[in-house]
């Protein structure tokens, strides 16, 4: 019985019909593209993704530097934290009440 049943899944480097030079060529890696490592590569105004990020970042910085916005964010965070703490305390009280009822029965 022959082991030809798996020939459809032979890799290039395993193919007996390839020459030795072709096997070497398939194993060699392609060199990565050289990238420009200067500041110019950081600032690419022709790329739409860069422009979107730049505008969003500038908008966030402008809004975050406004004292009224800072106060609103802080007060909102404090109110949210207080609500979370109150909810936790309420849940603890309910659990305590349920335990007390279960023990009294």
PDB file of N, CA and C in Angstrom:
ATOM      1  N   UNK A   1       0.841  -1.186   0.000  1.00  0.00           N
ATOM      2  CA  UNK A   1       0.000   0.000   0.000  1.00  0.00           C
ATOM      3  C   UNK A   1       0.878   1.239   0.000  1.00  0.00           C
ATOM      4  N   UNK A   2       0.590   2.148  -0.864  1.00  0.00           N
ATOM      5  CA  UNK A   2       1.386   3.358  -1.026  1.00  0.00           C
ATOM      6  C   UNK A   2       0.895   4.448  -0.084  1.00  0.00           C
ATOM      7  N   UNK A   3       1.763   5.389   0.250  1.00  0.00           N
ATOM      8  CA  UNK A   3       1.377   6.505   1.100  1.00  0.00           C
ATOM      9  C   UNK A   3       1.175   7.767   0.272  1.00  0.00           C
ATOM     10  N   UNK A   4       0.527   7.644  -0.870  1.00  0.00           N
ATOM     11  CA  UNK A   4       0.248   8.770  -1.749  1.00  0.00           C
ATOM     12  C   UNK A   4      -1.028   9.513  -1.359  1.00  0.00           C
ATOM     13  N   UNK A   5      -1.699   9.054  -0.337  1.00  0.00           N
ATOM     14  CA  UNK A   5      -2.993   9.618   0.019  1.00  0.00           C
ATOM     15  C   UNK A   5      -2.910  11.058   0.528  1.00  0.00           C
ATOM     16  N   UNK A   6      -1.750  11.536   0.885  1.00  0.00           N
ATOM     17  CA  UNK A   6      -1.631  12.869   1.477  1.00  0.00           C
ATOM     18  C   UNK A   6      -0.838  13.831   0.588  1.00  0.00           C
ATOM     19  N   UNK A   7      -0.746  13.552  -0.703  1.00  0.00           N
ATOM     20  CA  UNK A   7       0.053  14.388  -1.592  1.00  0.00           C
ATOM     21  C   UNK A   7      -0.540  15.773  -1.800  1.00  0.00           C
ATOM     22  N   UNK A   8      -1.842  15.934  -1.578  1.00  0.00           N
ATOM     23  CA  UNK A   8      -2.448  17.248  -1.758  1.00  0.00           C
ATOM     24  C   UNK A   8      -1.957  18.244  -0.706  1.00  0.00           C
ATOM     25  N   UNK A   9      -1.409  17.742   0.374  1.00  0.00           N
ATOM     26  CA  UNK A   9      -1.011  18.605   1.478  1.00  0.00           C
ATOM     27  C   UNK A   9       0.494  18.661   1.676  1.00  0.00           C
ATOM     28  N   UNK A  10       1.237  18.487   0.599  1.00  0.00           N
ATOM     29  CA  UNK A  10       2.692  18.537   0.665  1.00  0.00           C
ATOM     30  C   UNK A  10       3.130  19.996   0.646  1.00  0.00           C
ATOM     31  N   UNK A  11       4.006  20.364   1.563  1.00  0.00           N
ATOM     32  CA  UNK A  11       4.543  21.721   1.594  1.00  0.00           C
ATOM     33  C   UNK A  11       5.605  21.878   0.513  1.00  0.00           C
ATOM     34  N   UNK A  12       5.885  23.125   0.147  1.00  0.00           N
ATOM     35  CA  UNK A  12       6.855  23.370  -0.916  1.00  0.00           C
ATOM     36  C   UNK A  12       8.206  22.740  -0.629  1.00  0.00           C
ATOM     37  N   UNK A  13       8.664  22.821   0.617  1.00  0.00           N
ATOM     38  CA  UNK A  13       9.989  22.295   0.921  1.00  0.00           C
ATOM     39  C   UNK A  13      10.001  20.760   0.934  1.00  0.00           C
ATOM     40  N   UNK A  14       8.810  20.127   0.948  1.00  0.00           N
ATOM     41  CA  UNK A  14       8.736  18.668   0.923  1.00  0.00           C
ATOM     42  C   UNK A  14       8.498  18.113  -0.483  1.00  0.00           C
ATOM     43  N   UNK A  15       8.179  18.961  -1.425  1.00  0.00           N
ATOM     44  CA  UNK A  15       7.824  18.514  -2.774  1.00  0.00           C
ATOM     45  C   UNK A  15       9.048  17.924  -3.460  1.00  0.00           C
ATOM     46  N   UNK A  16       8.994  16.657  -3.857  1.00  0.00           N
ATOM     47  CA  UNK A  16      10.162  16.029  -4.482  1.00  0.00           C
ATOM     48  C   UNK A  16      10.456  16.564  -5.879  1.00  0.00           C
ATOM     49  N   UNK A  17       9.491  17.251  -6.506  1.00  0.00           N
ATOM     50  CA  UNK A  17       9.708  17.757  -7.858  1.00  0.00           C
ATOM     51  C   UNK A  17      10.441  19.094  -7.871  1.00  0.00           C
ATOM     52  N   UNK A  18      10.592  19.742  -6.723  1.00  0.00           N
ATOM     53  CA  UNK A  18      11.312  21.013  -6.674  1.00  0.00           C
ATOM     54  C   UNK A  18      12.809  20.768  -6.726  1.00  0.00           C
ATOM     55  N   UNK A  19      13.519  21.688  -7.362  1.00  0.00           N
ATOM     56  CA  UNK A  19      14.975  21.597  -7.360  1.00  0.00           C
ATOM     57  C   UNK A  19      15.494  22.090  -6.021  1.00  0.00           C
ATOM     58  N   UNK A  20      16.735  21.847  -5.748  1.00  0.00           N
ATOM     59  CA  UNK A  20      17.319  22.278  -4.472  1.00  0.00           C
ATOM     60  C   UNK A  20      17.289  23.800  -4.343  1.00  0.00           C
ATOM     61  N   UNK A  21      17.546  24.511  -5.438  1.00  0.00           N
ATOM     62  CA  UNK A  21      17.524  25.977  -5.390  1.00  0.00           C
ATOM     63  C   UNK A  21      16.108  26.486  -5.112  1.00  0.00           C
ATOM     64  N   UNK A  22      15.097  25.855  -5.668  1.00  0.00           N
ATOM     65  CA  UNK A  22      13.722  26.262  -5.400  1.00  0.00           C
ATOM     66  C   UNK A  22      13.353  26.033  -3.945  1.00  0.00           C
ATOM     67  N   UNK A  23      13.851  24.961  -3.347  1.00  0.00           N
ATOM     68  CA  UNK A  23      13.589  24.718  -1.924  1.00  0.00           C
ATOM     69  C   UNK A  23      14.216  25.807  -1.063  1.00  0.00           C
ATOM     70  N   UNK A  24      15.436  26.202  -1.400  1.00  0.00           N
ATOM     71  CA  UNK A  24      16.122  27.262  -0.653  1.00  0.00           C
ATOM     72  C   UNK A  24      15.359  28.577  -0.804  1.00  0.00           C
ATOM     73  N   UNK A  25      14.892  28.872  -2.023  1.00  0.00           N
ATOM     74  CA  UNK A  25      14.161  30.113  -2.265  1.00  0.00           C
ATOM     75  C   UNK A  25      12.865  30.171  -1.465  1.00  0.00           C
ATOM     76  N   UNK A  26      12.184  29.037  -1.314  1.00  0.00           N
ATOM     77  CA  UNK A  26      10.921  29.051  -0.571  1.00  0.00           C
ATOM     78  C   UNK A  26      11.153  29.208   0.923  1.00  0.00           C
ATOM     79  N   UNK A  27      12.333  28.865   1.416  1.00  0.00           N
ATOM     80  CA  UNK A  27      12.605  28.976   2.841  1.00  0.00           C
ATOM     81  C   UNK A  27      13.122  30.359   3.239  1.00  0.00           C
ATOM     82  N   UNK A  28      13.656  31.102   2.280  1.00  0.00           N
ATOM     83  CA  UNK A  28      14.200  32.418   2.609  1.00  0.00           C
ATOM     84  C   UNK A  28      13.074  33.398   2.898  1.00  0.00           C
ATOM     85  N   UNK A  29      13.312  34.250   3.887  1.00  0.00           N
ATOM     86  CA  UNK A  29      12.301  35.234   4.252  1.00  0.00           C
ATOM     87  C   UNK A  29      12.467  36.487   3.405  1.00  0.00           C
ATOM     88  N   UNK A  30      11.351  37.147   3.213  1.00  0.00           N
ATOM     89  CA  UNK A  30      11.374  38.410   2.493  1.00  0.00           C
ATOM     90  C   UNK A  30      11.843  39.494   3.456  1.00  0.00           C
ATOM     91  N   UNK A  31      12.724  40.344   3.008  1.00  0.00           N
ATOM     92  CA  UNK A  31      13.218  41.409   3.878  1.00  0.00           C
ATOM     93  C   UNK A  31      12.127  42.433   4.129  1.00  0.00           C
ATOM     94  N   UNK A  32      12.005  42.910   5.372  1.00  0.00           N
ATOM     95  CA  UNK A  32      10.972  43.911   5.665  1.00  0.00           C
ATOM     96  C   UNK A  32      11.266  45.225   4.955  1.00  0.00           C
ATOM     97  N   UNK A  33      10.222  45.963   4.689  1.00  0.00           N
ATOM     98  CA  UNK A  33      10.362  47.252   4.031  1.00  0.00           C
ATOM     99  C   UNK A  33      11.025  48.224   5.001  1.00  0.00           C
ATOM    100  N   UNK A  34      12.006  48.945   4.516  1.00  0.00           N
ATOM    101  CA  UNK A  34      12.675  49.934   5.350  1.00  0.00           C
ATOM    102  C   UNK A  34      11.731  51.081   5.644  1.00  0.00           C
ATOM    103  N   UNK A  35      11.594  51.427   6.901  1.00  0.00           N
ATOM    104  CA  UNK A  35      10.725  52.523   7.268  1.00  0.00           C
ATOM    105  C   UNK A  35      11.570  53.730   7.641  1.00  0.00           C
ATOM    106  N   UNK A  36      11.018  54.878   7.329  1.00  0.00           N
ATOM    107  CA  UNK A  36      11.691  56.121   7.644  1.00  0.00           C
ATOM    108  C   UNK A  36      11.574  56.373   9.143  1.00  0.00           C
ATOM    109  N   UNK A  37      12.689  56.437   9.861  1.00  0.00           N
ATOM    110  CA  UNK A  37      12.674  56.583  11.307  1.00  0.00           C
ATOM    111  C   UNK A  37      12.813  58.035  11.755  1.00  0.00           C
ATOM    112  N   UNK A  38      12.477  58.963  10.914  1.00  0.00           N
ATOM    113  CA  UNK A  38      12.589  60.364  11.290  1.00  0.00           C
ATOM    114  C   UNK A  38      11.260  60.863  11.833  1.00  0.00           C
ATOM    115  N   UNK A  39      11.262  62.079  12.297  1.00  0.00           N
ATOM    116  CA  UNK A  39      10.046  62.695  12.825  1.00  0.00           C
ATOM    117  C   UNK A  39       9.001  62.820  11.715  1.00  0.00           C
ATOM    118  N   UNK A  40       9.432  62.933  10.492  1.00  0.00           N
ATOM    119  CA  UNK A  40       8.505  63.067   9.375  1.00  0.00           C
ATOM    120  C   UNK A  40       7.556  61.871   9.296  1.00  0.00           C
ATOM    121  N   UNK A  41       8.033  60.679   9.651  1.00  0.00           N
ATOM    122  CA  UNK A  41       7.170  59.506   9.612  1.00  0.00           C
ATOM    123  C   UNK A  41       6.128  59.532  10.735  1.00  0.00           C
ATOM    124  N   UNK A  42       6.362  60.303  11.789  1.00  0.00           N
ATOM    125  CA  UNK A  42       5.390  60.413  12.880  1.00  0.00           C
ATOM    126  C   UNK A  42       4.238  61.326  12.486  1.00  0.00           C
ATOM    127  N   UNK A  43       4.526  62.327  11.697  1.00  0.00           N
ATOM    128  CA  UNK A  43       3.531  63.325  11.316  1.00  0.00           C
ATOM    129  C   UNK A  43       3.194  63.114   9.843  1.00  0.00           C
ATOM    130  N   UNK A  44       2.071  62.458   9.590  1.00  0.00           N
ATOM    131  CA  UNK A  44       1.684  62.142   8.223  1.00  0.00           C
ATOM    132  C   UNK A  44       0.290  62.706   7.974  1.00  0.00           C
ATOM    133  N   UNK A  45       0.215  63.956   7.574  1.00  0.00           N
ATOM    134  CA  UNK A  45      -1.069  64.608   7.379  1.00  0.00           C
ATOM    135  C   UNK A  45      -1.816  64.081   6.153  1.00  0.00           C
ATOM    136  N   UNK A  46      -1.172  63.300   5.320  1.00  0.00           N
ATOM    137  CA  UNK A  46      -1.873  62.746   4.160  1.00  0.00           C
ATOM    138  C   UNK A  46      -2.661  61.478   4.516  1.00  0.00           C
ATOM    139  N   UNK A  47      -2.421  60.918   5.700  1.00  0.00           N
ATOM    140  CA  UNK A  47      -3.127  59.721   6.145  1.00  0.00           C
ATOM    141  C   UNK A  47      -4.393  60.130   6.892  1.00  0.00           C
ATOM    142  N   UNK A  48      -5.553  59.654   6.438  1.00  0.00           N
ATOM    143  CA  UNK A  48      -6.820  60.061   7.053  1.00  0.00           C
ATOM    144  C   UNK A  48      -6.931  59.564   8.496  1.00  0.00           C
ATOM    145  N   UNK A  49      -6.349  58.403   8.803  1.00  0.00           N
ATOM    146  CA  UNK A  49      -6.402  57.904  10.184  1.00  0.00           C
ATOM    147  C   UNK A  49      -5.606  58.806  11.117  1.00  0.00           C
ATOM    148  N   UNK A  50      -4.482  59.308  10.639  1.00  0.00           N
ATOM    149  CA  UNK A  50      -3.683  60.227  11.449  1.00  0.00           C
ATOM    150  C   UNK A  50      -4.460  61.512  11.705  1.00  0.00           C
ATOM    151  N   UNK A  51      -5.103  62.025  10.671  1.00  0.00           N
ATOM    152  CA  UNK A  51      -5.867  63.266  10.831  1.00  0.00           C
ATOM    153  C   UNK A  51      -7.024  63.088  11.806  1.00  0.00           C
ATOM    154  N   UNK A  52      -7.734  61.977  11.724  1.00  0.00           N
ATOM    155  CA  UNK A  52      -8.833  61.720  12.657  1.00  0.00           C
ATOM    156  C   UNK A  52      -8.313  61.663  14.093  1.00  0.00           C
ATOM    157  N   UNK A  53      -7.252  60.934  14.306  1.00  0.00           N
ATOM    158  CA  UNK A  53      -6.667  60.830  15.647  1.00  0.00           C
ATOM    159  C   UNK A  53      -6.177  62.162  16.160  1.00  0.00           C
ATOM    160  N   UNK A  54      -5.568  62.934  15.276  1.00  0.00           N
ATOM    161  CA  UNK A  54      -5.064  64.252  15.644  1.00  0.00           C
ATOM    162  C   UNK A  54      -6.207  65.167  16.078  1.00  0.00           C
ATOM    163  N   UNK A  55      -7.283  65.187  15.296  1.00  0.00           N
ATOM    164  CA  UNK A  55      -8.427  66.052  15.613  1.00  0.00           C
ATOM    165  C   UNK A  55      -9.142  65.594  16.880  1.00  0.00           C
ATOM    166  N   UNK A  56      -9.316  64.317  17.055  1.00  0.00           N
ATOM    167  CA  UNK A  56      -9.961  63.817  18.270  1.00  0.00           C
ATOM    168  C   UNK A  56      -9.108  64.141  19.493  1.00  0.00           C
ATOM    169  N   UNK A  57      -7.814  63.924  19.395  1.00  0.00           N
ATOM    170  CA  UNK A  57      -6.912  64.233  20.506  1.00  0.00           C
ATOM    171  C   UNK A  57      -6.903  65.712  20.843  1.00  0.00           C
ATOM    172  N   UNK A  58      -6.908  66.550  19.826  1.00  0.00           N
ATOM    173  CA  UNK A  58      -6.939  67.993  20.061  1.00  0.00           C
ATOM    174  C   UNK A  58      -8.253  68.402  20.723  1.00  0.00           C
ATOM    175  N   UNK A  59      -9.359  67.808  20.280  1.00  0.00           N
ATOM    176  CA  UNK A  59     -10.656  68.112  20.882  1.00  0.00           C
ATOM    177  C   UNK A  59     -10.724  67.687  22.336  1.00  0.00           C
ATOM    178  N   UNK A  60     -10.231  66.496  22.642  1.00  0.00           N
ATOM    179  CA  UNK A  60     -10.221  66.014  24.024  1.00  0.00           C
ATOM    180  C   UNK A  60      -9.347  66.905  24.889  1.00  0.00           C
ATOM    181  N   UNK A  61      -8.189  67.290  24.384  1.00  0.00           N
ATOM    182  CA  UNK A  61      -7.294  68.166  25.156  1.00  0.00           C
ATOM    183  C   UNK A  61      -7.940  69.517  25.408  1.00  0.00           C
ATOM    184  N   UNK A  62      -8.634  70.056  24.413  1.00  0.00           N
ATOM    185  CA  UNK A  62      -9.293  71.346  24.570  1.00  0.00           C
ATOM    186  C   UNK A  62     -10.417  71.265  25.595  1.00  0.00           C
ATOM    187  N   UNK A  63     -11.235  70.231  25.515  1.00  0.00           N
ATOM    188  CA  UNK A  63     -12.344  70.080  26.457  1.00  0.00           C
ATOM    189  C   UNK A  63     -11.824  69.784  27.865  1.00  0.00           C
ATOM    190  N   UNK A  64     -10.810  68.927  27.971  1.00  0.00           N
ATOM    191  CA  UNK A  64     -10.297  68.544  29.290  1.00  0.00           C
ATOM    192  C   UNK A  64      -9.581  69.692  29.988  1.00  0.00           C
ATOM    193  N   UNK A  65      -9.109  70.667  29.248  1.00  0.00           N
ATOM    194  CA  UNK A  65      -8.412  71.791  29.873  1.00  0.00           C
ATOM    195  C   UNK A  65      -9.380  72.879  30.338  1.00  0.00           C
ATOM    196  N   UNK A  66     -10.663  72.742  30.035  1.00  0.00           N
ATOM    197  CA  UNK A  66     -11.666  73.717  30.448  1.00  0.00           C
ATOM    198  C   UNK A  66     -12.039  73.453  31.911  1.00  0.00           C
ATOM    199  N   UNK A  67     -11.908  74.456  32.807  1.00  0.00           N
ATOM    200  CA  UNK A  67     -12.200  74.244  34.232  1.00  0.00           C
ATOM    201  C   UNK A  67     -13.651  73.831  34.498  1.00  0.00           C
ATOM    202  N   UNK A  68     -14.603  74.358  33.743  1.00  0.00           N
ATOM    203  CA  UNK A  68     -16.005  73.974  33.949  1.00  0.00           C
ATOM    204  C   UNK A  68     -16.211  72.494  33.622  1.00  0.00           C
ATOM    205  N   UNK A  69     -15.576  72.042  32.568  1.00  0.00           N
ATOM    206  CA  UNK A  69     -15.693  70.634  32.188  1.00  0.00           C
ATOM    207  C   UNK A  69     -15.034  69.755  33.252  1.00  0.00           C
ATOM    208  N   UNK A  70     -13.890  70.189  33.766  1.00  0.00           N
ATOM    209  CA  UNK A  70     -13.211  69.424  34.804  1.00  0.00           C
ATOM    210  C   UNK A  70     -14.098  69.270  36.037  1.00  0.00           C
ATOM    211  N   UNK A  71     -14.740  70.377  36.458  1.00  0.00           N
ATOM    212  CA  UNK A  71     -15.623  70.316  37.631  1.00  0.00           C
ATOM    213  C   UNK A  71     -16.807  69.390  37.369  1.00  0.00           C
ATOM    214  N   UNK A  72     -17.378  69.467  36.183  1.00  0.00           N
ATOM    215  CA  UNK A  72     -18.519  68.614  35.850  1.00  0.00           C
ATOM    216  C   UNK A  72     -18.123  67.141  35.848  1.00  0.00           C
ATOM    217  N   UNK A  73     -16.953  66.826  35.314  1.00  0.00           N
ATOM    218  CA  UNK A  73     -16.494  65.433  35.272  1.00  0.00           C
ATOM    219  C   UNK A  73     -16.252  64.918  36.680  1.00  0.00           C
ATOM    220  N   UNK A  74     -15.608  65.725  37.516  1.00  0.00           N
ATOM    221  CA  UNK A  74     -15.320  65.300  38.886  1.00  0.00           C
ATOM    222  C   UNK A  74     -16.610  65.123  39.673  1.00  0.00           C
ATOM    223  N   UNK A  75     -17.523  66.074  39.566  1.00  0.00           N
ATOM    224  CA  UNK A  75     -18.778  65.949  40.318  1.00  0.00           C
ATOM    225  C   UNK A  75     -19.593  64.757  39.810  1.00  0.00           C
ATOM    226  N   UNK A  76     -19.588  64.505  38.531  1.00  0.00           N
ATOM    227  CA  UNK A  76     -20.273  63.333  37.988  1.00  0.00           C
ATOM    228  C   UNK A  76     -19.664  62.037  38.499  1.00  0.00           C
ATOM    229  N   UNK A  77     -18.351  61.997  38.566  1.00  0.00           N
ATOM    230  CA  UNK A  77     -17.676  60.804  39.082  1.00  0.00           C
ATOM    231  C   UNK A  77     -18.000  60.581  40.553  1.00  0.00           C
ATOM    232  N   UNK A  78     -18.043  61.663  41.336  1.00  0.00           N
ATOM    233  CA  UNK A  78     -18.373  61.549  42.762  1.00  0.00           C
ATOM    234  C   UNK A  78     -19.805  61.053  42.930  1.00  0.00           C
ATOM    235  N   UNK A  79     -20.746  61.598  42.155  1.00  0.00           N
ATOM    236  CA  UNK A  79     -22.139  61.157  42.242  1.00  0.00           C
ATOM    237  C   UNK A  79     -22.269  59.683  41.851  1.00  0.00           C
ATOM    238  N   UNK A  80     -21.569  59.277  40.808  1.00  0.00           N
ATOM    239  CA  UNK A  80     -21.614  57.883  40.373  1.00  0.00           C
ATOM    240  C   UNK A  80     -21.047  56.962  41.447  1.00  0.00           C
ATOM    241  N   UNK A  81     -19.920  57.351  42.037  1.00  0.00           N
ATOM    242  CA  UNK A  81     -19.301  56.538  43.086  1.00  0.00           C
ATOM    243  C   UNK A  81     -20.207  56.440  44.306  1.00  0.00           C
ATOM    244  N   UNK A  82     -20.858  57.537  44.675  1.00  0.00           N
ATOM    245  CA  UNK A  82     -21.785  57.526  45.808  1.00  0.00           C
ATOM    246  C   UNK A  82     -22.962  56.602  45.528  1.00  0.00           C
ATOM    247  N   UNK A  83     -23.482  56.635  44.312  1.00  0.00           N
ATOM    248  CA  UNK A  83     -24.594  55.765  43.949  1.00  0.00           C
ATOM    249  C   UNK A  83     -24.184  54.295  44.002  1.00  0.00           C
ATOM    250  N   UNK A  84     -22.980  53.998  43.545  1.00  0.00           N
ATOM    251  CA  UNK A  84     -22.490  52.618  43.584  1.00  0.00           C
ATOM    252  C   UNK A  84     -22.347  52.162  45.026  1.00  0.00           C
ATOM    253  N   UNK A  85     -21.763  53.008  45.878  1.00  0.00           N
ATOM    254  CA  UNK A  85     -21.599  52.648  47.285  1.00  0.00           C
ATOM    255  C   UNK A  85     -22.952  52.460  47.957  1.00  0.00           C
ATOM    256  N   UNK A  86     -23.910  53.323  47.667  1.00  0.00           N
ATOM    257  CA  UNK A  86     -25.241  53.200  48.242  1.00  0.00           C
ATOM    258  C   UNK A  86     -25.915  51.913  47.807  1.00  0.00           C
ATOM    259  N   UNK A  87     -25.751  51.565  46.541  1.00  0.00           N
ATOM    260  CA  UNK A  87     -26.316  50.313  46.037  1.00  0.00           C
ATOM    261  C   UNK A  87     -25.718  49.103  46.711  1.00  0.00           C
ATOM    262  N   UNK A  88     -24.429  49.144  46.962  1.00  0.00           N
ATOM    263  CA  UNK A  88     -23.756  48.031  47.639  1.00  0.00           C
ATOM    264  C   UNK A  88     -24.268  47.907  49.071  1.00  0.00           C
ATOM    265  N   UNK A  89     -24.385  49.031  49.751  1.00  0.00           N
ATOM    266  CA  UNK A  89     -24.895  49.009  51.129  1.00  0.00           C
ATOM    267  C   UNK A  89     -26.326  48.481  51.167  1.00  0.00           C
ATOM    268  N   UNK A  90     -27.146  48.895  50.223  1.00  0.00           N
ATOM    269  CA  UNK A  90     -28.533  48.424  50.164  1.00  0.00           C
ATOM    270  C   UNK A  90     -28.581  46.917  49.932  1.00  0.00           C
ATOM    271  N   UNK A  91     -27.718  46.416  49.055  1.00  0.00           N
ATOM    272  CA  UNK A  91     -27.662  44.978  48.791  1.00  0.00           C
ATOM    273  C   UNK A  91     -27.221  44.222  50.037  1.00  0.00           C
ATOM    274  N   UNK A  92     -26.271  44.777  50.788  1.00  0.00           N
ATOM    275  CA  UNK A  92     -25.817  44.132  52.024  1.00  0.00           C
ATOM    276  C   UNK A  92     -26.958  44.051  53.038  1.00  0.00           C
ATOM    277  N   UNK A  93     -27.734  45.134  53.150  1.00  0.00           N
ATOM    278  CA  UNK A  93     -28.865  45.141  54.085  1.00  0.00           C
ATOM    279  C   UNK A  93     -29.901  44.087  53.703  1.00  0.00           C
ATOM    280  N   UNK A  94     -30.194  43.968  52.396  1.00  0.00           N
ATOM    281  CA  UNK A  94     -31.176  42.979  51.950  1.00  0.00           C
ATOM    282  C   UNK A  94     -30.696  41.561  52.251  1.00  0.00           C
ATOM    283  N   UNK A  95     -29.424  41.298  52.018  1.00  0.00           N
ATOM    284  CA  UNK A  95     -28.864  39.976  52.309  1.00  0.00           C
ATOM    285  C   UNK A  95     -28.956  39.686  53.797  1.00  0.00           C
ATOM    286  N   UNK A  96     -28.648  40.681  54.636  1.00  0.00           N
ATOM    287  CA  UNK A  96     -28.719  40.521  56.086  1.00  0.00           C
ATOM    288  C   UNK A  96     -30.162  40.221  56.520  1.00  0.00           C
ATOM    289  N   UNK A  97     -31.135  40.934  55.933  1.00  0.00           N
ATOM    290  CA  UNK A  97     -32.544  40.701  56.261  1.00  0.00           C
ATOM    291  C   UNK A  97     -32.990  39.299  55.849  1.00  0.00           C
ATOM    292  N   UNK A  98     -32.564  38.859  54.680  1.00  0.00           N
ATOM    293  CA  UNK A  98     -32.933  37.522  54.203  1.00  0.00           C
ATOM    294  C   UNK A  98     -32.340  36.449  55.122  1.00  0.00           C
ATOM    295  N   UNK A  99     -31.088  36.645  55.536  1.00  0.00           N
ATOM    296  CA  UNK A  99     -30.462  35.691  56.453  1.00  0.00           C
ATOM    297  C   UNK A  99     -31.209  35.656  57.786  1.00  0.00           C
ATOM    298  N   UNK A 100     -31.600  36.829  58.290  1.00  0.00           N
ATOM    299  CA  UNK A 100     -32.321  36.888  59.570  1.00  0.00           C
ATOM    300  C   UNK A 100     -33.671  36.186  59.462  1.00  0.00           C
ATOM    301  N   UNK A 101     -34.375  36.372  58.349  1.00  0.00           N
ATOM    302  CA  UNK A 101     -35.657  35.698  58.162  1.00  0.00           C
ATOM    303  C   UNK A 101     -35.464  34.198  58.068  1.00  0.00           C
ATOM    304  N   UNK A 102     -34.424  33.765  57.390  1.00  0.00           N
ATOM    305  CA  UNK A 102     -34.183  32.335  57.212  1.00  0.00           C
ATOM    306  C   UNK A 102     -33.846  31.687  58.569  1.00  0.00           C
ATOM    307  N   UNK A 103     -33.129  32.381  59.423  1.00  0.00           N
ATOM    308  CA  UNK A 103     -32.774  31.825  60.728  1.00  0.00           C
ATOM    309  C   UNK A 103     -33.958  31.801  61.688  1.00  0.00           C
ATOM    310  N   UNK A 104     -34.893  32.751  61.544  1.00  0.00           N
ATOM    311  CA  UNK A 104     -36.028  32.799  62.456  1.00  0.00           C
ATOM    312  C   UNK A 104     -37.071  31.715  62.140  1.00  0.00           C
ATOM    313  N   UNK A 105     -37.060  31.186  60.948  1.00  0.00           N
ATOM    314  CA  UNK A 105     -38.033  30.154  60.576  1.00  0.00           C
ATOM    315  C   UNK A 105     -37.634  28.803  60.995  1.00  0.00           C
TER     316      UNK A 105
END
